[in-house]
Amino acid sequence: MNFSLTIIPAVEAGNASKRFMFESKVELFAARDTCADLLLFMQDKAKVMNDYSNCFIAEEKIDGEWMSIDD
């Protein structure tokens, strides 16, 4: 797997995070966008999550090293 997405869903609440691995950049960005929409829904509409700052870190493995990527 050459792409990873690390999600920190509540930066102010601690260091809990979840890392997902993907085969392609398309899969990574689709997952990122879906998770971002879900977190906003949980905060704004469902009111089941406090209004935290969410952090997403997208990376690509290049020559054996993880490098941050933007879209």
N, C-alpha and C. Protein backbone atom coordinates (compact mmCIF):
# COMPACT_ATOMS: atom_id res chain seq x y z
N MET A 1 0.84 -1.18 0.00
CA MET A 1 0.00 0.00 0.00
C MET A 1 0.89 1.25 0.00
N ASN A 2 0.61 2.16 -0.91
CA ASN A 2 1.47 3.31 -1.07
C ASN A 2 0.86 4.62 -0.59
N PHE A 3 -0.36 4.58 -0.08
CA PHE A 3 -1.01 5.80 0.39
C PHE A 3 -1.62 5.55 1.76
N SER A 4 -1.52 6.56 2.63
CA SER A 4 -2.11 6.42 3.96
C SER A 4 -2.87 7.69 4.32
N LEU A 5 -3.88 7.52 5.15
CA LEU A 5 -4.68 8.62 5.67
C LEU A 5 -4.77 8.45 7.18
N THR A 6 -4.25 9.41 7.92
CA THR A 6 -4.35 9.39 9.37
C THR A 6 -5.39 10.44 9.75
N ILE A 7 -6.37 10.01 10.55
CA ILE A 7 -7.43 10.90 10.99
C ILE A 7 -7.33 11.08 12.50
N ILE A 8 -7.28 12.33 12.93
CA ILE A 8 -7.34 12.68 14.35
C ILE A 8 -8.67 13.41 14.52
N PRO A 9 -9.73 12.71 14.97
CA PRO A 9 -11.08 13.26 14.93
C PRO A 9 -11.38 14.34 15.96
N ALA A 10 -10.58 14.50 16.97
CA ALA A 10 -10.85 15.50 17.99
C ALA A 10 -9.52 15.95 18.59
N VAL A 11 -8.84 16.85 17.88
CA VAL A 11 -7.49 17.26 18.26
C VAL A 11 -7.45 17.74 19.71
N GLU A 12 -8.43 18.54 20.12
CA GLU A 12 -8.42 19.11 21.47
C GLU A 12 -8.66 18.07 22.57
N ALA A 13 -9.24 16.93 22.20
CA ALA A 13 -9.62 15.92 23.19
C ALA A 13 -8.51 14.91 23.46
N GLY A 14 -7.43 14.96 22.72
CA GLY A 14 -6.34 14.01 22.96
C GLY A 14 -5.67 13.59 21.68
N ASN A 15 -4.87 12.56 21.78
CA ASN A 15 -4.07 12.12 20.65
C ASN A 15 -4.61 10.88 19.95
N ALA A 16 -5.89 10.56 20.15
CA ALA A 16 -6.45 9.39 19.49
C ALA A 16 -6.44 9.60 17.99
N SER A 17 -6.00 8.59 17.26
CA SER A 17 -5.97 8.68 15.81
C SER A 17 -6.20 7.31 15.21
N LYS A 18 -6.52 7.31 13.91
CA LYS A 18 -6.72 6.06 13.18
C LYS A 18 -6.07 6.22 11.82
N ARG A 19 -5.26 5.23 11.44
CA ARG A 19 -4.57 5.27 10.15
C ARG A 19 -5.18 4.23 9.22
N PHE A 20 -5.44 4.65 7.99
CA PHE A 20 -5.99 3.78 6.95
C PHE A 20 -5.00 3.72 5.80
N MET A 21 -4.92 2.58 5.14
CA MET A 21 -3.99 2.38 4.03
C MET A 21 -4.78 2.17 2.74
N PHE A 22 -4.23 2.70 1.62
CA PHE A 22 -4.90 2.63 0.34
C PHE A 22 -3.93 2.29 -0.79
N GLU A 23 -4.49 1.75 -1.87
CA GLU A 23 -3.70 1.43 -3.06
C GLU A 23 -3.53 2.64 -3.97
N SER A 24 -4.49 3.58 -3.93
CA SER A 24 -4.42 4.70 -4.87
C SER A 24 -4.76 6.02 -4.18
N LYS A 25 -4.33 7.10 -4.81
CA LYS A 25 -4.64 8.44 -4.33
C LYS A 25 -6.14 8.72 -4.43
N VAL A 26 -6.78 8.17 -5.45
CA VAL A 26 -8.23 8.35 -5.63
C VAL A 26 -8.97 7.76 -4.43
N GLU A 27 -8.61 6.55 -4.02
CA GLU A 27 -9.23 5.91 -2.85
C GLU A 27 -8.99 6.74 -1.58
N LEU A 28 -7.76 7.20 -1.41
CA LEU A 28 -7.40 7.99 -0.23
C LEU A 28 -8.27 9.24 -0.13
N PHE A 29 -8.36 10.01 -1.23
CA PHE A 29 -9.12 11.26 -1.19
C PHE A 29 -10.62 11.01 -1.05
N ALA A 30 -11.14 9.92 -1.63
CA ALA A 30 -12.55 9.58 -1.45
C ALA A 30 -12.84 9.27 0.02
N ALA A 31 -11.95 8.51 0.66
CA ALA A 31 -12.13 8.19 2.08
C ALA A 31 -12.01 9.45 2.93
N ARG A 32 -11.04 10.30 2.62
CA ARG A 32 -10.86 11.55 3.38
C ARG A 32 -12.11 12.42 3.31
N ASP A 33 -12.63 12.60 2.11
CA ASP A 33 -13.79 13.47 1.94
C ASP A 33 -15.03 12.89 2.63
N THR A 34 -15.21 11.57 2.54
CA THR A 34 -16.34 10.92 3.19
C THR A 34 -16.24 11.05 4.70
N CYS A 35 -15.06 10.79 5.26
CA CYS A 35 -14.87 10.91 6.71
C CYS A 35 -15.05 12.34 7.19
N ALA A 36 -14.56 13.30 6.43
CA ALA A 36 -14.72 14.71 6.81
C ALA A 36 -16.19 15.08 6.85
N ASP A 37 -16.95 14.65 5.83
CA ASP A 37 -18.39 14.93 5.80
C ASP A 37 -19.11 14.27 6.97
N LEU A 38 -18.72 13.03 7.29
CA LEU A 38 -19.34 12.32 8.41
C LEU A 38 -19.06 13.01 9.74
N LEU A 39 -17.82 13.43 9.96
CA LEU A 39 -17.48 14.12 11.21
C LEU A 39 -18.26 15.43 11.34
N LEU A 40 -18.37 16.18 10.24
CA LEU A 40 -19.14 17.43 10.28
C LEU A 40 -20.60 17.16 10.57
N PHE A 41 -21.15 16.11 9.96
CA PHE A 41 -22.54 15.72 10.23
C PHE A 41 -22.73 15.38 11.71
N MET A 42 -21.80 14.60 12.26
CA MET A 42 -21.90 14.20 13.67
C MET A 42 -21.84 15.40 14.60
N GLN A 43 -21.06 16.41 14.22
CA GLN A 43 -20.94 17.61 15.05
C GLN A 43 -22.13 18.55 14.87
N ASP A 44 -22.45 18.85 13.62
CA ASP A 44 -23.41 19.91 13.32
C ASP A 44 -24.87 19.47 13.29
N LYS A 45 -25.14 18.30 12.74
CA LYS A 45 -26.52 17.86 12.54
C LYS A 45 -26.98 16.86 13.60
N ALA A 46 -26.19 15.81 13.80
CA ALA A 46 -26.59 14.76 14.74
C ALA A 46 -26.36 15.15 16.19
N LYS A 47 -25.47 16.10 16.41
CA LYS A 47 -25.16 16.60 17.76
C LYS A 47 -24.71 15.48 18.70
N VAL A 48 -23.95 14.51 18.17
CA VAL A 48 -23.43 13.42 19.00
C VAL A 48 -21.94 13.56 19.25
N MET A 49 -21.33 14.61 18.68
CA MET A 49 -19.90 14.84 18.87
C MET A 49 -19.69 16.33 19.09
N ASN A 50 -18.86 16.65 20.05
CA ASN A 50 -18.56 18.06 20.30
C ASN A 50 -17.90 18.69 19.09
N ASP A 51 -17.88 20.00 19.05
CA ASP A 51 -17.32 20.75 17.92
C ASP A 51 -15.80 20.83 18.07
N TYR A 52 -15.13 19.77 17.66
CA TYR A 52 -13.68 19.70 17.76
C TYR A 52 -13.03 20.05 16.43
N SER A 53 -11.74 20.32 16.47
CA SER A 53 -10.94 20.48 15.26
C SER A 53 -10.51 19.09 14.80
N ASN A 54 -10.83 18.74 13.59
CA ASN A 54 -10.46 17.45 13.03
C ASN A 54 -9.24 17.61 12.13
N CYS A 55 -8.33 16.64 12.21
CA CYS A 55 -7.09 16.73 11.44
C CYS A 55 -6.97 15.49 10.55
N PHE A 56 -6.63 15.73 9.28
CA PHE A 56 -6.43 14.66 8.32
C PHE A 56 -5.02 14.80 7.74
N ILE A 57 -4.27 13.70 7.75
CA ILE A 57 -2.91 13.71 7.22
C ILE A 57 -2.84 12.68 6.10
N ALA A 58 -2.67 13.15 4.86
CA ALA A 58 -2.56 12.28 3.70
C ALA A 58 -1.08 12.14 3.35
N GLU A 59 -0.64 10.90 3.13
CA GLU A 59 0.76 10.65 2.82
C GLU A 59 0.90 9.64 1.69
N GLU A 60 2.02 9.76 0.97
CA GLU A 60 2.38 8.82 -0.07
C GLU A 60 3.77 8.29 0.22
N LYS A 61 3.95 6.99 0.03
CA LYS A 61 5.27 6.40 0.24
C LYS A 61 6.10 6.58 -1.03
N ILE A 62 7.19 7.33 -0.90
CA ILE A 62 8.09 7.59 -2.01
C ILE A 62 9.49 7.18 -1.59
N ASP A 63 10.07 6.25 -2.34
CA ASP A 63 11.41 5.73 -2.02
C ASP A 63 11.51 5.27 -0.57
N GLY A 64 10.44 4.60 -0.09
CA GLY A 64 10.46 4.03 1.25
C GLY A 64 10.15 5.00 2.38
N GLU A 65 9.90 6.27 2.06
CA GLU A 65 9.59 7.27 3.09
C GLU A 65 8.20 7.84 2.87
N TRP A 66 7.48 8.09 3.98
CA TRP A 66 6.15 8.69 3.90
C TRP A 66 6.28 10.19 3.76
N MET A 67 5.67 10.71 2.69
CA MET A 67 5.70 12.15 2.39
C MET A 67 4.27 12.68 2.38
N SER A 68 4.06 13.83 3.00
CA SER A 68 2.74 14.47 3.03
C SER A 68 2.34 14.88 1.62
N ILE A 69 1.05 14.68 1.30
CA ILE A 69 0.55 15.11 -0.02
C ILE A 69 -0.70 15.97 0.17
N ASP A 70 -0.93 16.83 -0.81
CA ASP A 70 -2.12 17.66 -0.86
C ASP A 70 -2.84 17.35 -2.16
N ASP A 71 -4.12 17.73 -2.21
CA ASP A 71 -4.85 17.48 -3.46
C ASP A 71 -4.95 18.70 -4.31
